[in-house]
Amino acid sequence: MATPKSFPTLVQLEQREGTLFEVLGNLTKPPYWFHSEYLKSPKAVHLEAWLVEAIFGQGGEHIPHVECVSQTLLHISQWDPDGEAEILIFGRPYYQMDVSKMIMNLAEYHRQLRAQNTEPETMKGYIKKLAEGKITPAHPVA
């Protein structure tokens, strides 16, 4: 079995036997909203591995910010960059649901971008051409 890619997080978690999770290392000052009972029932989200970096930034650099703002912990297992990733969301059930919906909405957005082959840089070029009057929008504003 391949080793999963490591992503930054506010609290490092380690999976023990089965579905049991424990805090890895000595956590001297956990976030005030972190309670160990939230480790018992994570919500799982599965998506294509490429979406993890599309959503959370290169190397998952935005994960700690998302955790802090959403008051949830994210544990991402990604064994194969071309395969599937599993995101486990730990926290209050209604926060888990909100974060799950946010991730799925962002995943759909990035899938649409990829399908249209419209990268952000291409979009900037389109907006610049529009501003210069080199092209006209399909639906002009009255």
C-alpha atoms as a PDB file:
ATOM      1  CA  MET A   1       0.000   0.000   0.000  1.00  0.00           C
ATOM      2  CA  ALA A   2       1.366   3.420  -0.945  1.00  0.00           C
ATOM      3  CA  THR A   3       2.021   6.075   1.670  1.00  0.00           C
ATOM      4  CA  PRO A   4      -0.534   8.894   1.602  1.00  0.00           C
ATOM      5  CA  LYS A   5       0.596  12.419   0.751  1.00  0.00           C
ATOM      6  CA  SER A   6       0.893  14.629   3.829  1.00  0.00           C
ATOM      7  CA  PHE A   7      -1.026  17.916   4.026  1.00  0.00           C
ATOM      8  CA  PRO A   8      -0.725  20.708   6.635  1.00  0.00           C
ATOM      9  CA  THR A   9      -3.383  20.890   9.333  1.00  0.00           C
ATOM     10  CA  LEU A  10      -3.939  22.613  12.682  1.00  0.00           C
ATOM     11  CA  VAL A  11      -3.998  19.252  14.479  1.00  0.00           C
ATOM     12  CA  GLN A  12      -2.092  16.253  13.108  1.00  0.00           C
ATOM     13  CA  LEU A  13      -4.226  13.120  13.293  1.00  0.00           C
ATOM     14  CA  GLU A  14      -3.216   9.510  13.028  1.00  0.00           C
ATOM     15  CA  GLN A  15      -5.556   6.672  12.145  1.00  0.00           C
ATOM     16  CA  ARG A  16      -5.333   3.709  14.465  1.00  0.00           C
ATOM     17  CA  GLU A  17      -7.097   0.348  14.188  1.00  0.00           C
ATOM     18  CA  GLY A  18     -10.074   0.619  11.853  1.00  0.00           C
ATOM     19  CA  THR A  19     -11.695   4.029  12.054  1.00  0.00           C
ATOM     20  CA  LEU A  20     -10.236   5.208  15.363  1.00  0.00           C
ATOM     21  CA  PHE A  21      -8.308   8.495  15.119  1.00  0.00           C
ATOM     22  CA  GLU A  22      -5.905   9.978  17.655  1.00  0.00           C
ATOM     23  CA  VAL A  23      -4.066  13.274  17.920  1.00  0.00           C
ATOM     24  CA  LEU A  24      -0.524  12.723  16.701  1.00  0.00           C
ATOM     25  CA  GLY A  25       2.201  14.155  18.898  1.00  0.00           C
ATOM     26  CA  ASN A  26       1.929  16.500  21.862  1.00  0.00           C
ATOM     27  CA  LEU A  27      -0.813  19.052  21.281  1.00  0.00           C
ATOM     28  CA  THR A  28      -0.013  21.736  23.854  1.00  0.00           C
ATOM     29  CA  LYS A  29      -2.565  24.342  22.779  1.00  0.00           C
ATOM     30  CA  PRO A  30      -5.422  22.935  20.708  1.00  0.00           C
ATOM     31  CA  PRO A  31      -7.911  25.297  19.056  1.00  0.00           C
ATOM     32  CA  TYR A  32     -10.589  26.281  21.578  1.00  0.00           C
ATOM     33  CA  TRP A  33     -13.273  24.596  19.476  1.00  0.00           C
ATOM     34  CA  PHE A  34     -11.444  21.260  19.202  1.00  0.00           C
ATOM     35  CA  HIS A  35     -12.941  18.418  21.258  1.00  0.00           C
ATOM     36  CA  SER A  36     -11.632  14.867  21.055  1.00  0.00           C
ATOM     37  CA  GLU A  37     -15.161  13.408  20.837  1.00  0.00           C
ATOM     38  CA  TYR A  38     -15.380  14.867  17.306  1.00  0.00           C
ATOM     39  CA  LEU A  39     -12.773  12.293  16.241  1.00  0.00           C
ATOM     40  CA  LYS A  40     -15.336   9.487  16.623  1.00  0.00           C
ATOM     41  CA  SER A  41     -17.611  10.322  13.693  1.00  0.00           C
ATOM     42  CA  PRO A  42     -15.962  12.022  10.722  1.00  0.00           C
ATOM     43  CA  LYS A  43     -17.864  12.842   7.541  1.00  0.00           C
ATOM     44  CA  ALA A  44     -16.157  11.466   4.431  1.00  0.00           C
ATOM     45  CA  VAL A  45     -15.990  13.206   1.060  1.00  0.00           C
ATOM     46  CA  HIS A  46     -14.481  11.405  -1.937  1.00  0.00           C
ATOM     47  CA  LEU A  47     -13.250  13.213  -5.016  1.00  0.00           C
ATOM     48  CA  GLU A  48     -10.595  13.133  -7.689  1.00  0.00           C
ATOM     49  CA  ALA A  49      -7.128  13.734  -6.260  1.00  0.00           C
ATOM     50  CA  TRP A  50      -6.364  16.684  -8.569  1.00  0.00           C
ATOM     51  CA  LEU A  51      -9.246  18.589  -6.972  1.00  0.00           C
ATOM     52  CA  VAL A  52      -7.530  18.618  -3.555  1.00  0.00           C
ATOM     53  CA  GLU A  53      -4.853  21.055  -4.725  1.00  0.00           C
ATOM     54  CA  ALA A  54      -7.316  22.938  -6.922  1.00  0.00           C
ATOM     55  CA  ILE A  55      -9.495  23.576  -3.856  1.00  0.00           C
ATOM     56  CA  PHE A  56      -6.930  23.854  -1.049  1.00  0.00           C
ATOM     57  CA  GLY A  57      -3.928  25.257  -2.928  1.00  0.00           C
ATOM     58  CA  GLN A  58      -0.578  23.751  -3.787  1.00  0.00           C
ATOM     59  CA  GLY A  59       0.412  21.260  -1.109  1.00  0.00           C
ATOM     60  CA  GLY A  60      -2.810  22.046   0.761  1.00  0.00           C
ATOM     61  CA  GLU A  61      -1.535  25.431   1.944  1.00  0.00           C
ATOM     62  CA  HIS A  62      -5.081  26.736   2.627  1.00  0.00           C
ATOM     63  CA  ILE A  63      -6.176  23.791   4.787  1.00  0.00           C
ATOM     64  CA  PRO A  64      -5.251  25.385   8.168  1.00  0.00           C
ATOM     65  CA  HIS A  65      -7.192  28.540   7.230  1.00  0.00           C
ATOM     66  CA  VAL A  66     -10.258  26.525   6.192  1.00  0.00           C
ATOM     67  CA  GLU A  67     -10.039  24.554   9.450  1.00  0.00           C
ATOM     68  CA  CYS A  68      -9.791  27.718  11.527  1.00  0.00           C
ATOM     69  CA  VAL A  69     -12.689  29.491   9.798  1.00  0.00           C
ATOM     70  CA  SER A  70     -14.974  26.444   9.663  1.00  0.00           C
ATOM     71  CA  GLN A  71     -14.023  25.090  13.106  1.00  0.00           C
ATOM     72  CA  THR A  72     -13.451  21.639  11.656  1.00  0.00           C
ATOM     73  CA  LEU A  73     -10.396  19.448  11.172  1.00  0.00           C
ATOM     74  CA  LEU A  74      -9.632  18.011   7.751  1.00  0.00           C
ATOM     75  CA  HIS A  75      -7.735  14.766   7.250  1.00  0.00           C
ATOM     76  CA  ILE A  76      -6.888  14.132   3.610  1.00  0.00           C
ATOM     77  CA  SER A  77      -5.785  10.747   2.325  1.00  0.00           C
ATOM     78  CA  GLN A  78      -4.378  10.854  -1.184  1.00  0.00           C
ATOM     79  CA  TRP A  79      -2.351   7.820  -2.225  1.00  0.00           C
ATOM     80  CA  ASP A  80      -2.225   8.380  -5.974  1.00  0.00           C
ATOM     81  CA  PRO A  81      -2.149  11.823  -7.659  1.00  0.00           C
ATOM     82  CA  ASP A  82      -4.229  10.424 -10.535  1.00  0.00           C
ATOM     83  CA  GLY A  83      -6.655   8.504  -8.331  1.00  0.00           C
ATOM     84  CA  GLU A  84      -9.197   9.402  -5.705  1.00  0.00           C
ATOM     85  CA  ALA A  85      -8.728  11.357  -2.493  1.00  0.00           C
ATOM     86  CA  GLU A  86     -10.681  10.955   0.721  1.00  0.00           C
ATOM     87  CA  ILE A  87     -11.314  13.988   2.893  1.00  0.00           C
ATOM     88  CA  LEU A  88     -12.464  13.272   6.440  1.00  0.00           C
ATOM     89  CA  ILE A  89     -14.152  16.199   8.157  1.00  0.00           C
ATOM     90  CA  PHE A  90     -14.097  16.247  11.970  1.00  0.00           C
ATOM     91  CA  GLY A  91     -16.240  18.636  13.981  1.00  0.00           C
ATOM     92  CA  ARG A  92     -19.808  19.420  14.943  1.00  0.00           C
ATOM     93  CA  PRO A  93     -22.237  17.578  12.631  1.00  0.00           C
ATOM     94  CA  TYR A  94     -23.765  20.731  11.130  1.00  0.00           C
ATOM     95  CA  TYR A  95     -20.271  22.198  10.546  1.00  0.00           C
ATOM     96  CA  GLN A  96     -19.278  18.933   8.875  1.00  0.00           C
ATOM     97  CA  MET A  97     -22.270  19.227   6.550  1.00  0.00           C
ATOM     98  CA  ASP A  98     -21.463  22.862   5.682  1.00  0.00           C
ATOM     99  CA  VAL A  99     -17.820  22.075   4.897  1.00  0.00           C
ATOM    100  CA  SER A 100     -18.835  19.004   2.910  1.00  0.00           C
ATOM    101  CA  LYS A 101     -21.214  21.100   0.781  1.00  0.00           C
ATOM    102  CA  MET A 102     -18.552  23.780   0.316  1.00  0.00           C
ATOM    103  CA  ILE A 103     -16.001  21.195  -0.864  1.00  0.00           C
ATOM    104  CA  MET A 104     -18.488  19.591  -3.260  1.00  0.00           C
ATOM    105  CA  ASN A 105     -19.492  22.999  -4.690  1.00  0.00           C
ATOM    106  CA  LEU A 106     -15.845  23.971  -5.194  1.00  0.00           C
ATOM    107  CA  ALA A 107     -15.152  20.581  -6.768  1.00  0.00           C
ATOM    108  CA  GLU A 108     -17.984  21.105  -9.249  1.00  0.00           C
ATOM    109  CA  TYR A 109     -16.697  24.604 -10.043  1.00  0.00           C
ATOM    110  CA  HIS A 110     -13.177  23.303 -10.749  1.00  0.00           C
ATOM    111  CA  ARG A 111     -14.547  20.432 -12.851  1.00  0.00           C
ATOM    112  CA  GLN A 112     -16.466  22.946 -14.966  1.00  0.00           C
ATOM    113  CA  LEU A 113     -13.358  25.103 -15.349  1.00  0.00           C
ATOM    114  CA  ARG A 114     -11.400  22.085 -16.506  1.00  0.00           C
ATOM    115  CA  ALA A 115     -14.168  20.968 -18.869  1.00  0.00           C
ATOM    116  CA  GLN A 116     -14.316  24.408 -20.468  1.00  0.00           C
ATOM    117  CA  ASN A 117     -10.524  24.469 -20.557  1.00  0.00           C
ATOM    118  CA  THR A 118     -10.777  27.938 -19.040  1.00  0.00           C
ATOM    119  CA  GLU A 119      -7.939  28.462 -16.636  1.00  0.00           C
ATOM    120  CA  PRO A 120      -7.901  31.651 -14.488  1.00  0.00           C
ATOM    121  CA  GLU A 121      -5.092  33.125 -16.639  1.00  0.00           C
ATOM    122  CA  THR A 122      -7.135  32.520 -19.791  1.00  0.00           C
ATOM    123  CA  MET A 123     -10.084  34.240 -18.128  1.00  0.00           C
ATOM    124  CA  LYS A 124      -7.903  37.263 -17.294  1.00  0.00           C
ATOM    125  CA  GLY A 125      -6.863  37.460 -20.940  1.00  0.00           C
ATOM    126  CA  TYR A 126     -10.509  37.308 -22.018  1.00  0.00           C
ATOM    127  CA  ILE A 127     -11.463  40.115 -19.618  1.00  0.00           C
ATOM    128  CA  LYS A 128      -8.540  42.235 -20.860  1.00  0.00           C
ATOM    129  CA  LYS A 129      -9.585  41.752 -24.510  1.00  0.00           C
ATOM    130  CA  LEU A 130     -13.161  42.610 -23.566  1.00  0.00           C
ATOM    131  CA  ALA A 131     -12.019  45.826 -21.849  1.00  0.00           C
ATOM    132  CA  GLU A 132      -9.917  46.809 -24.870  1.00  0.00           C
ATOM    133  CA  GLY A 133     -12.923  46.284 -27.144  1.00  0.00           C
ATOM    134  CA  LYS A 134     -11.190  43.577 -29.196  1.00  0.00           C
ATOM    135  CA  ILE A 135     -14.129  41.215 -28.615  1.00  0.00           C
ATOM    136  CA  THR A 136     -17.774  41.735 -27.773  1.00  0.00           C
ATOM    137  CA  PRO A 137     -19.640  39.810 -25.078  1.00  0.00           C
ATOM    138  CA  ALA A 138     -22.233  37.259 -26.172  1.00  0.00           C
ATOM    139  CA  HIS A 139     -24.914  38.980 -24.075  1.00  0.00           C
ATOM    140  CA  PRO A 140     -24.232  42.743 -24.085  1.00  0.00           C
ATOM    141  CA  VAL A 141     -25.509  44.758 -21.161  1.00  0.00           C
ATOM    142  CA  ALA A 142     -28.231  47.258 -22.152  1.00  0.00           C
END
